[in-house]
Amino acid sequence: MHFAIAYENSKLVRKLVEIGADVHQRANGKFFMPIDQQWPIPRAKTNFEGLSYFGEYPLTWAACCDDEPSYNLLVKHGADPNLQDTLETIFCTCLSSEINL
């Protein structure tokens, strides 16, 4: 679902939700983390430098990718905008993303 959001494919996001995809599925692993969090011993705080840190939840990705249709669909199907991922909340992730532009 995360990549469907990144590629602005809201039809695929809708289909995934319709067939029961978890709207709180976390994207994890080194690919999804800021560079300073990929180290064997990650820093306590991150500077969010990296290619694709949009948080862990699909809702965060939709917000950071400015994908309003997917964001609204996910909220409608129970995605919680107040959840905190490993590093922070959705709002903080999006704010960090905007500041670094």
PDB file of N, CA and C in Angstrom:
ATOM      1  N   MET A   1       0.819  -1.187   0.000  1.00  0.00           N
ATOM      2  CA  MET A   1       0.000   0.000   0.000  1.00  0.00           C
ATOM      3  C   MET A   1       0.872   1.264   0.000  1.00  0.00           C
ATOM      4  N   HIS A   2       1.991   1.196   0.692  1.00  0.00           N
ATOM      5  CA  HIS A   2       2.880   2.356   0.771  1.00  0.00           C
ATOM      6  C   HIS A   2       3.358   2.787  -0.616  1.00  0.00           C
ATOM      7  N   PHE A   3       3.742   1.831  -1.431  1.00  0.00           N
ATOM      8  CA  PHE A   3       4.230   2.186  -2.763  1.00  0.00           C
ATOM      9  C   PHE A   3       3.099   2.639  -3.674  1.00  0.00           C
ATOM     10  N   ALA A   4       1.904   2.101  -3.490  1.00  0.00           N
ATOM     11  CA  ALA A   4       0.748   2.587  -4.252  1.00  0.00           C
ATOM     12  C   ALA A   4       0.523   4.066  -3.945  1.00  0.00           C
ATOM     13  N   ILE A   5       0.674   4.437  -2.686  1.00  0.00           N
ATOM     14  CA  ILE A   5       0.537   5.845  -2.291  1.00  0.00           C
ATOM     15  C   ILE A   5       1.666   6.673  -2.903  1.00  0.00           C
ATOM     16  N   ALA A   6       2.892   6.188  -2.807  1.00  0.00           N
ATOM     17  CA  ALA A   6       4.040   6.924  -3.351  1.00  0.00           C
ATOM     18  C   ALA A   6       3.909   7.149  -4.853  1.00  0.00           C
ATOM     19  N   TYR A   7       3.299   6.193  -5.548  1.00  0.00           N
ATOM     20  CA  TYR A   7       3.110   6.314  -6.994  1.00  0.00           C
ATOM     21  C   TYR A   7       1.763   6.925  -7.362  1.00  0.00           C
ATOM     22  N   GLU A   8       1.097   7.526  -6.368  1.00  0.00           N
ATOM     23  CA  GLU A   8      -0.166   8.235  -6.576  1.00  0.00           C
ATOM     24  C   GLU A   8      -1.228   7.358  -7.225  1.00  0.00           C
ATOM     25  N   ASN A   9      -1.293   6.103  -6.806  1.00  0.00           N
ATOM     26  CA  ASN A   9      -2.269   5.173  -7.362  1.00  0.00           C
ATOM     27  C   ASN A   9      -3.388   4.955  -6.342  1.00  0.00           C
ATOM     28  N   SER A  10      -4.256   5.961  -6.211  1.00  0.00           N
ATOM     29  CA  SER A  10      -5.327   5.887  -5.215  1.00  0.00           C
ATOM     30  C   SER A  10      -6.331   4.782  -5.530  1.00  0.00           C
ATOM     31  N   LYS A  11      -6.441   4.397  -6.802  1.00  0.00           N
ATOM     32  CA  LYS A  11      -7.334   3.274  -7.151  1.00  0.00           C
ATOM     33  C   LYS A  11      -6.816   1.977  -6.539  1.00  0.00           C
ATOM     34  N   LEU A  12      -5.514   1.776  -6.584  1.00  0.00           N
ATOM     35  CA  LEU A  12      -4.931   0.578  -5.983  1.00  0.00           C
ATOM     36  C   LEU A  12      -5.049   0.629  -4.462  1.00  0.00           C
ATOM     37  N   VAL A  13      -4.850   1.795  -3.879  1.00  0.00           N
ATOM     38  CA  VAL A  13      -5.021   1.940  -2.429  1.00  0.00           C
ATOM     39  C   VAL A  13      -6.445   1.552  -2.052  1.00  0.00           C
ATOM     40  N   ARG A  14      -7.424   2.060  -2.796  1.00  0.00           N
ATOM     41  CA  ARG A  14      -8.828   1.728  -2.534  1.00  0.00           C
ATOM     42  C   ARG A  14      -9.052   0.220  -2.630  1.00  0.00           C
ATOM     43  N   LYS A  15      -8.518  -0.401  -3.663  1.00  0.00           N
ATOM     44  CA  LYS A  15      -8.696  -1.846  -3.852  1.00  0.00           C
ATOM     45  C   LYS A  15      -8.070  -2.619  -2.692  1.00  0.00           C
ATOM     46  N   LEU A  16      -6.880  -2.224  -2.287  1.00  0.00           N
ATOM     47  CA  LEU A  16      -6.215  -2.896  -1.167  1.00  0.00           C
ATOM     48  C   LEU A  16      -7.040  -2.785   0.114  1.00  0.00           C
ATOM     49  N   VAL A  17      -7.593  -1.609   0.361  1.00  0.00           N
ATOM     50  CA  VAL A  17      -8.437  -1.419   1.547  1.00  0.00           C
ATOM     51  C   VAL A  17      -9.694  -2.280   1.435  1.00  0.00           C
ATOM     52  N   GLU A  18     -10.288  -2.317   0.247  1.00  0.00           N
ATOM     53  CA  GLU A  18     -11.506  -3.109   0.036  1.00  0.00           C
ATOM     54  C   GLU A  18     -11.288  -4.595   0.288  1.00  0.00           C
ATOM     55  N   ILE A  19     -10.102  -5.095  -0.030  1.00  0.00           N
ATOM     56  CA  ILE A  19      -9.858  -6.532   0.174  1.00  0.00           C
ATOM     57  C   ILE A  19      -9.263  -6.829   1.550  1.00  0.00           C
ATOM     58  N   GLY A  20      -9.211  -5.804   2.397  1.00  0.00           N
ATOM     59  CA  GLY A  20      -8.843  -6.040   3.786  1.00  0.00           C
ATOM     60  C   GLY A  20      -7.421  -5.731   4.199  1.00  0.00           C
ATOM     61  N   ALA A  21      -6.700  -4.964   3.393  1.00  0.00           N
ATOM     62  CA  ALA A  21      -5.338  -4.587   3.788  1.00  0.00           C
ATOM     63  C   ALA A  21      -5.384  -3.800   5.097  1.00  0.00           C
ATOM     64  N   ASP A  22      -4.393  -3.997   5.923  1.00  0.00           N
ATOM     65  CA  ASP A  22      -4.298  -3.334   7.225  1.00  0.00           C
ATOM     66  C   ASP A  22      -3.917  -1.866   7.033  1.00  0.00           C
ATOM     67  N   VAL A  23      -4.812  -0.957   7.428  1.00  0.00           N
ATOM     68  CA  VAL A  23      -4.533   0.477   7.261  1.00  0.00           C
ATOM     69  C   VAL A  23      -3.477   0.973   8.248  1.00  0.00           C
ATOM     70  N   HIS A  24      -3.076   0.113   9.181  1.00  0.00           N
ATOM     71  CA  HIS A  24      -2.019   0.460  10.138  1.00  0.00           C
ATOM     72  C   HIS A  24      -0.742  -0.354   9.906  1.00  0.00           C
ATOM     73  N   GLN A  25      -0.625  -0.984   8.734  1.00  0.00           N
ATOM     74  CA  GLN A  25       0.572  -1.765   8.432  1.00  0.00           C
ATOM     75  C   GLN A  25       1.790  -0.842   8.399  1.00  0.00           C
ATOM     76  N   ARG A  26       2.803  -1.197   9.148  1.00  0.00           N
ATOM     77  CA  ARG A  26       4.013  -0.373   9.186  1.00  0.00           C
ATOM     78  C   ARG A  26       4.981  -0.762   8.073  1.00  0.00           C
ATOM     79  N   ALA A  27       5.598   0.240   7.501  1.00  0.00           N
ATOM     80  CA  ALA A  27       6.707   0.019   6.581  1.00  0.00           C
ATOM     81  C   ALA A  27       7.954   0.049   7.445  1.00  0.00           C
ATOM     82  N   ASN A  28       8.682  -1.042   7.467  1.00  0.00           N
ATOM     83  CA  ASN A  28       9.898  -1.046   8.274  1.00  0.00           C
ATOM     84  C   ASN A  28      11.017  -1.719   7.511  1.00  0.00           C
ATOM     85  N   GLY A  29      12.183  -1.647   8.051  1.00  0.00           N
ATOM     86  CA  GLY A  29      13.369  -2.126   7.357  1.00  0.00           C
ATOM     87  C   GLY A  29      14.232  -0.942   6.973  1.00  0.00           C
ATOM     88  N   LYS A  30      15.450  -1.198   6.626  1.00  0.00           N
ATOM     89  CA  LYS A  30      16.416  -0.125   6.360  1.00  0.00           C
ATOM     90  C   LYS A  30      15.998   0.798   5.225  1.00  0.00           C
ATOM     91  N   PHE A  31      15.373   0.252   4.190  1.00  0.00           N
ATOM     92  CA  PHE A  31      14.984   1.081   3.051  1.00  0.00           C
ATOM     93  C   PHE A  31      14.085   2.237   3.478  1.00  0.00           C
ATOM     94  N   PHE A  32      13.235   1.992   4.461  1.00  0.00           N
ATOM     95  CA  PHE A  32      12.234   2.968   4.857  1.00  0.00           C
ATOM     96  C   PHE A  32      12.708   3.946   5.924  1.00  0.00           C
ATOM     97  N   MET A  33      13.934   3.838   6.363  1.00  0.00           N
ATOM     98  CA  MET A  33      14.421   4.649   7.477  1.00  0.00           C
ATOM     99  C   MET A  33      15.354   5.763   7.006  1.00  0.00           C
ATOM    100  N   PRO A  34      15.438   6.857   7.781  1.00  0.00           N
ATOM    101  CA  PRO A  34      16.439   7.885   7.488  1.00  0.00           C
ATOM    102  C   PRO A  34      17.841   7.269   7.555  1.00  0.00           C
ATOM    103  N   ILE A  35      18.782   7.866   6.864  1.00  0.00           N
ATOM    104  CA  ILE A  35      20.137   7.316   6.774  1.00  0.00           C
ATOM    105  C   ILE A  35      20.755   7.088   8.147  1.00  0.00           C
ATOM    106  N   ASP A  36      20.588   8.045   9.070  1.00  0.00           N
ATOM    107  CA  ASP A  36      21.228   7.883  10.376  1.00  0.00           C
ATOM    108  C   ASP A  36      20.554   6.821  11.247  1.00  0.00           C
ATOM    109  N   GLN A  37      19.432   6.286  10.805  1.00  0.00           N
ATOM    110  CA  GLN A  37      18.768   5.205  11.530  1.00  0.00           C
ATOM    111  C   GLN A  37      19.107   3.836  10.932  1.00  0.00           C
ATOM    112  N   GLN A  38      19.864   3.827   9.842  1.00  0.00           N
ATOM    113  CA  GLN A  38      20.261   2.579   9.197  1.00  0.00           C
ATOM    114  C   GLN A  38      21.556   2.024   9.778  1.00  0.00           C
ATOM    115  N   TRP A  39      22.217   2.773  10.604  1.00  0.00           N
ATOM    116  CA  TRP A  39      23.474   2.340  11.204  1.00  0.00           C
ATOM    117  C   TRP A  39      23.227   1.204  12.185  1.00  0.00           C
ATOM    118  N   PRO A  40      24.262   0.400  12.460  1.00  0.00           N
ATOM    119  CA  PRO A  40      24.090  -0.698  13.435  1.00  0.00           C
ATOM    120  C   PRO A  40      23.575  -0.205  14.782  1.00  0.00           C
ATOM    121  N   ILE A  41      24.052   0.970  15.210  1.00  0.00           N
ATOM    122  CA  ILE A  41      23.532   1.583  16.435  1.00  0.00           C
ATOM    123  C   ILE A  41      22.913   2.916  16.018  1.00  0.00           C
ATOM    124  N   PRO A  42      21.577   2.947  15.849  1.00  0.00           N
ATOM    125  CA  PRO A  42      20.942   4.183  15.384  1.00  0.00           C
ATOM    126  C   PRO A  42      21.052   5.311  16.399  1.00  0.00           C
ATOM    127  N   ARG A  43      21.064   6.532  15.904  1.00  0.00           N
ATOM    128  CA  ARG A  43      21.092   7.701  16.786  1.00  0.00           C
ATOM    129  C   ARG A  43      19.778   7.793  17.561  1.00  0.00           C
ATOM    130  N   ALA A  44      19.847   8.397  18.739  1.00  0.00           N
ATOM    131  CA  ALA A  44      18.639   8.564  19.558  1.00  0.00           C
ATOM    132  C   ALA A  44      17.648   9.508  18.885  1.00  0.00           C
ATOM    133  N   LYS A  45      18.163  10.533  18.214  1.00  0.00           N
ATOM    134  CA  LYS A  45      17.319  11.458  17.458  1.00  0.00           C
ATOM    135  C   LYS A  45      17.823  11.460  16.027  1.00  0.00           C
ATOM    136  N   THR A  46      16.905  11.696  15.102  1.00  0.00           N
ATOM    137  CA  THR A  46      17.279  11.670  13.695  1.00  0.00           C
ATOM    138  C   THR A  46      17.200  13.061  13.079  1.00  0.00           C
ATOM    139  N   ASN A  47      17.927  13.246  11.989  1.00  0.00           N
ATOM    140  CA  ASN A  47      17.808  14.485  11.233  1.00  0.00           C
ATOM    141  C   ASN A  47      16.947  14.275   9.981  1.00  0.00           C
ATOM    142  N   PHE A  48      16.424  13.060   9.811  1.00  0.00           N
ATOM    143  CA  PHE A  48      15.518  12.684   8.724  1.00  0.00           C
ATOM    144  C   PHE A  48      16.140  12.778   7.341  1.00  0.00           C
ATOM    145  N   GLU A  49      17.475  12.822   7.263  1.00  0.00           N
ATOM    146  CA  GLU A  49      18.119  12.838   5.959  1.00  0.00           C
ATOM    147  C   GLU A  49      17.999  11.449   5.341  1.00  0.00           C
ATOM    148  N   GLY A  50      17.556  11.389   4.135  1.00  0.00           N
ATOM    149  CA  GLY A  50      17.406  10.112   3.459  1.00  0.00           C
ATOM    150  C   GLY A  50      16.473  10.263   2.276  1.00  0.00           C
ATOM    151  N   LEU A  51      16.337   9.206   1.541  1.00  0.00           N
ATOM    152  CA  LEU A  51      15.563   9.275   0.311  1.00  0.00           C
ATOM    153  C   LEU A  51      14.063   9.180   0.520  1.00  0.00           C
ATOM    154  N   SER A  52      13.629   8.462   1.539  1.00  0.00           N
ATOM    155  CA  SER A  52      12.195   8.208   1.594  1.00  0.00           C
ATOM    156  C   SER A  52      11.632   8.030   2.992  1.00  0.00           C
ATOM    157  N   TYR A  53      11.986   8.866   3.930  1.00  0.00           N
ATOM    158  CA  TYR A  53      11.359   8.691   5.236  1.00  0.00           C
ATOM    159  C   TYR A  53      10.052   9.459   5.296  1.00  0.00           C
ATOM    160  N   PHE A  54       8.970   8.727   5.136  1.00  0.00           N
ATOM    161  CA  PHE A  54       7.623   9.283   5.234  1.00  0.00           C
ATOM    162  C   PHE A  54       6.896   8.673   6.419  1.00  0.00           C
ATOM    163  N   GLY A  55       7.640   8.221   7.408  1.00  0.00           N
ATOM    164  CA  GLY A  55       7.015   7.551   8.534  1.00  0.00           C
ATOM    165  C   GLY A  55       6.801   6.084   8.215  1.00  0.00           C
ATOM    166  N   GLU A  56       6.046   5.417   9.063  1.00  0.00           N
ATOM    167  CA  GLU A  56       5.839   3.981   8.901  1.00  0.00           C
ATOM    168  C   GLU A  56       4.432   3.620   8.442  1.00  0.00           C
ATOM    169  N   TYR A  57       3.469   4.477   8.706  1.00  0.00           N
ATOM    170  CA  TYR A  57       2.075   4.140   8.406  1.00  0.00           C
ATOM    171  C   TYR A  57       1.646   4.651   7.032  1.00  0.00           C
ATOM    172  N   PRO A  58       0.719   3.938   6.378  1.00  0.00           N
ATOM    173  CA  PRO A  58       0.203   4.419   5.095  1.00  0.00           C
ATOM    174  C   PRO A  58      -0.361   5.841   5.183  1.00  0.00           C
ATOM    175  N   LEU A  59      -0.994   6.157   6.303  1.00  0.00           N
ATOM    176  CA  LEU A  59      -1.583   7.485   6.459  1.00  0.00           C
ATOM    177  C   LEU A  59      -0.504   8.569   6.422  1.00  0.00           C
ATOM    178  N   THR A  60       0.635   8.302   7.030  1.00  0.00           N
ATOM    179  CA  THR A  60       1.739   9.261   7.002  1.00  0.00           C
ATOM    180  C   THR A  60       2.245   9.442   5.582  1.00  0.00           C
ATOM    181  N   TRP A  61       2.372   8.327   4.863  1.00  0.00           N
ATOM    182  CA  TRP A  61       2.816   8.411   3.475  1.00  0.00           C
ATOM    183  C   TRP A  61       1.835   9.239   2.654  1.00  0.00           C
ATOM    184  N   ALA A  62       0.540   9.001   2.832  1.00  0.00           N
ATOM    185  CA  ALA A  62      -0.460   9.762   2.079  1.00  0.00           C
ATOM    186  C   ALA A  62      -0.346  11.253   2.398  1.00  0.00           C
ATOM    187  N   ALA A  63      -0.152  11.585   3.667  1.00  0.00           N
ATOM    188  CA  ALA A  63      -0.019  12.993   4.056  1.00  0.00           C
ATOM    189  C   ALA A  63       1.250  13.603   3.465  1.00  0.00           C
ATOM    190  N   CYS A  64       2.372  12.915   3.585  1.00  0.00           N
ATOM    191  CA  CYS A  64       3.650  13.443   3.081  1.00  0.00           C
ATOM    192  C   CYS A  64       3.688  13.523   1.561  1.00  0.00           C
ATOM    193  N   CYS A  65       2.965  12.635   0.896  1.00  0.00           N
ATOM    194  CA  CYS A  65       2.926  12.631  -0.574  1.00  0.00           C
ATOM    195  C   CYS A  65       1.804  13.511  -1.115  1.00  0.00           C
ATOM    196  N   ASP A  66       1.111  14.209  -0.217  1.00  0.00           N
ATOM    197  CA  ASP A  66       0.009  15.090  -0.604  1.00  0.00           C
ATOM    198  C   ASP A  66      -1.058  14.331  -1.396  1.00  0.00           C
ATOM    199  N   ASP A  67      -1.342  13.113  -0.953  1.00  0.00           N
ATOM    200  CA  ASP A  67      -2.337  12.256  -1.605  1.00  0.00           C
ATOM    201  C   ASP A  67      -3.635  12.315  -0.798  1.00  0.00           C
ATOM    202  N   GLU A  68      -4.381  13.385  -1.008  1.00  0.00           N
ATOM    203  CA  GLU A  68      -5.603  13.611  -0.234  1.00  0.00           C
ATOM    204  C   GLU A  68      -6.640  12.507  -0.408  1.00  0.00           C
ATOM    205  N   PRO A  69      -6.884  11.997  -1.634  1.00  0.00           N
ATOM    206  CA  PRO A  69      -7.873  10.918  -1.764  1.00  0.00           C
ATOM    207  C   PRO A  69      -7.509   9.683  -0.932  1.00  0.00           C
ATOM    208  N   SER A  70      -6.242   9.280  -0.955  1.00  0.00           N
ATOM    209  CA  SER A  70      -5.826   8.113  -0.169  1.00  0.00           C
ATOM    210  C   SER A  70      -5.887   8.421   1.317  1.00  0.00           C
ATOM    211  N   TYR A  71      -5.470   9.622   1.708  1.00  0.00           N
ATOM    212  CA  TYR A  71      -5.519  10.009   3.123  1.00  0.00           C
ATOM    213  C   TYR A  71      -6.956   9.913   3.641  1.00  0.00           C
ATOM    214  N   ASN A  72      -7.888  10.526   2.912  1.00  0.00           N
ATOM    215  CA  ASN A  72      -9.289  10.511   3.341  1.00  0.00           C
ATOM    216  C   ASN A  72      -9.851   9.097   3.382  1.00  0.00           C
ATOM    217  N   LEU A  73      -9.504   8.283   2.400  1.00  0.00           N
ATOM    218  CA  LEU A  73      -9.964   6.894   2.364  1.00  0.00           C
ATOM    219  C   LEU A  73      -9.450   6.122   3.575  1.00  0.00           C
ATOM    220  N   LEU A  74      -8.182   6.291   3.888  1.00  0.00           N
ATOM    221  CA  LEU A  74      -7.596   5.581   5.024  1.00  0.00           C
ATOM    222  C   LEU A  74      -8.241   6.004   6.342  1.00  0.00           C
ATOM    223  N   VAL A  75      -8.469   7.297   6.510  1.00  0.00           N
ATOM    224  CA  VAL A  75      -9.130   7.778   7.733  1.00  0.00           C
ATOM    225  C   VAL A  75     -10.546   7.213   7.810  1.00  0.00           C
ATOM    226  N   LYS A  76     -11.244   7.219   6.687  1.00  0.00           N
ATOM    227  CA  LYS A  76     -12.612   6.678   6.635  1.00  0.00           C
ATOM    228  C   LYS A  76     -12.649   5.215   7.066  1.00  0.00           C
ATOM    229  N   HIS A  77     -11.573   4.491   6.782  1.00  0.00           N
ATOM    230  CA  HIS A  77     -11.506   3.066   7.116  1.00  0.00           C
ATOM    231  C   HIS A  77     -10.736   2.802   8.411  1.00  0.00           C
ATOM    232  N   GLY A  78     -10.622   3.825   9.245  1.00  0.00           N
ATOM    233  CA  GLY A  78     -10.112   3.611  10.593  1.00  0.00           C
ATOM    234  C   GLY A  78      -8.662   3.936  10.857  1.00  0.00           C
ATOM    235  N   ALA A  79      -7.935   4.449   9.879  1.00  0.00           N
ATOM    236  CA  ALA A  79      -6.539   4.819  10.133  1.00  0.00           C
ATOM    237  C   ALA A  79      -6.503   5.957  11.152  1.00  0.00           C
ATOM    238  N   ASP A  80      -5.649   5.826  12.137  1.00  0.00           N
ATOM    239  CA  ASP A  80      -5.585   6.780  13.246  1.00  0.00           C
ATOM    240  C   ASP A  80      -4.450   7.782  13.030  1.00  0.00           C
ATOM    241  N   PRO A  81      -4.779   9.057  12.799  1.00  0.00           N
ATOM    242  CA  PRO A  81      -3.727  10.053  12.575  1.00  0.00           C
ATOM    243  C   PRO A  81      -2.913  10.380  13.825  1.00  0.00           C
ATOM    244  N   ASN A  82      -3.321   9.879  14.972  1.00  0.00           N
ATOM    245  CA  ASN A  82      -2.605  10.169  16.216  1.00  0.00           C
ATOM    246  C   ASN A  82      -1.605   9.090  16.610  1.00  0.00           C
ATOM    247  N   LEU A  83      -1.505   8.027  15.818  1.00  0.00           N
ATOM    248  CA  LEU A  83      -0.546   6.977  16.153  1.00  0.00           C
ATOM    249  C   LEU A  83       0.876   7.502  16.034  1.00  0.00           C
ATOM    250  N   GLN A  84       1.741   7.006  16.886  1.00  0.00           N
ATOM    251  CA  GLN A  84       3.151   7.369  16.829  1.00  0.00           C
ATOM    252  C   GLN A  84       3.928   6.183  16.285  1.00  0.00           C
ATOM    253  N   ASP A  85       4.778   6.436  15.296  1.00  0.00           N
ATOM    254  CA  ASP A  85       5.620   5.358  14.794  1.00  0.00           C
ATOM    255  C   ASP A  85       6.893   5.299  15.634  1.00  0.00           C
ATOM    256  N   THR A  86       7.887   4.601  15.154  1.00  0.00           N
ATOM    257  CA  THR A  86       9.118   4.423  15.914  1.00  0.00           C
ATOM    258  C   THR A  86       9.776   5.752  16.268  1.00  0.00           C
ATOM    259  N   LEU A  87       9.666   6.738  15.382  1.00  0.00           N
ATOM    260  CA  LEU A  87      10.368   7.998  15.592  1.00  0.00           C
ATOM    261  C   LEU A  87       9.481   9.138  16.075  1.00  0.00           C
ATOM    262  N   GLU A  88       8.231   9.201  15.624  1.00  0.00           N
ATOM    263  CA  GLU A  88       7.382  10.336  15.987  1.00  0.00           C
ATOM    264  C   GLU A  88       5.967  10.165  15.466  1.00  0.00           C
ATOM    265  N   THR A  89       5.171  11.238  15.561  1.00  0.00           N
ATOM    266  CA  THR A  89       3.794  11.212  15.090  1.00  0.00           C
ATOM    267  C   THR A  89       3.712  11.613  13.621  1.00  0.00           C
ATOM    268  N   ILE A  90       2.561  11.386  13.015  1.00  0.00           N
ATOM    269  CA  ILE A  90       2.337  11.744  11.617  1.00  0.00           C
ATOM    270  C   ILE A  90       2.579  13.236  11.392  1.00  0.00           C
ATOM    271  N   PHE A  91       2.035  14.067  12.257  1.00  0.00           N
ATOM    272  CA  PHE A  91       2.186  15.512  12.099  1.00  0.00           C
ATOM    273  C   PHE A  91       3.660  15.911  12.084  1.00  0.00           C
ATOM    274  N   CYS A  92       4.439  15.377  13.008  1.00  0.00           N
ATOM    275  CA  CYS A  92       5.869  15.717  13.079  1.00  0.00           C
ATOM    276  C   CYS A  92       6.613  15.257  11.838  1.00  0.00           C
ATOM    277  N   THR A  93       6.275  14.067  11.338  1.00  0.00           N
ATOM    278  CA  THR A  93       6.921  13.563  10.127  1.00  0.00           C
ATOM    279  C   THR A  93       6.643  14.487   8.955  1.00  0.00           C
ATOM    280  N   CYS A  94       5.391  14.883   8.791  1.00  0.00           N
ATOM    281  CA  CYS A  94       5.025  15.762   7.679  1.00  0.00           C
ATOM    282  C   CYS A  94       5.664  17.135   7.828  1.00  0.00           C
ATOM    283  N   LEU A  95       5.702  17.650   9.032  1.00  0.00           N
ATOM    284  CA  LEU A  95       6.328  18.942   9.281  1.00  0.00           C
ATOM    285  C   LEU A  95       7.819  18.884   8.966  1.00  0.00           C
ATOM    286  N   SER A  96       8.489  17.829   9.383  1.00  0.00           N
ATOM    287  CA  SER A  96       9.919  17.656   9.085  1.00  0.00           C
ATOM    288  C   SER A  96      10.143  17.583   7.592  1.00  0.00           C
ATOM    289  N   SER A  97       9.257  16.899   6.892  1.00  0.00           N
ATOM    290  CA  SER A  97       9.359  16.756   5.444  1.00  0.00           C
ATOM    291  C   SER A  97       9.228  18.116   4.764  1.00  0.00           C
ATOM    292  N   GLU A  98       8.299  18.938   5.207  1.00  0.00           N
ATOM    293  CA  GLU A  98       8.084  20.258   4.618  1.00  0.00           C
ATOM    294  C   GLU A  98       9.245  21.202   4.898  1.00  0.00           C
ATOM    295  N   ILE A  99       9.778  21.160   6.077  1.00  0.00           N
ATOM    296  CA  ILE A  99      10.876  22.055   6.453  1.00  0.00           C
ATOM    297  C   ILE A  99      12.119  21.764   5.625  1.00  0.00           C
ATOM    298  N   ASN A 100      12.326  20.496   5.267  1.00  0.00           N
ATOM    299  CA  ASN A 100      13.526  20.111   4.524  1.00  0.00           C
ATOM    300  C   ASN A 100      13.418  20.367   3.031  1.00  0.00           C
ATOM    301  N   LEU A 101      12.282  20.831   2.540  1.00  0.00           N
ATOM    302  CA  LEU A 101      12.129  21.050   1.100  1.00  0.00           C
ATOM    303  C   LEU A 101      12.931  22.219   0.605  1.00  0.00           C
TER     304      LEU A 101
END
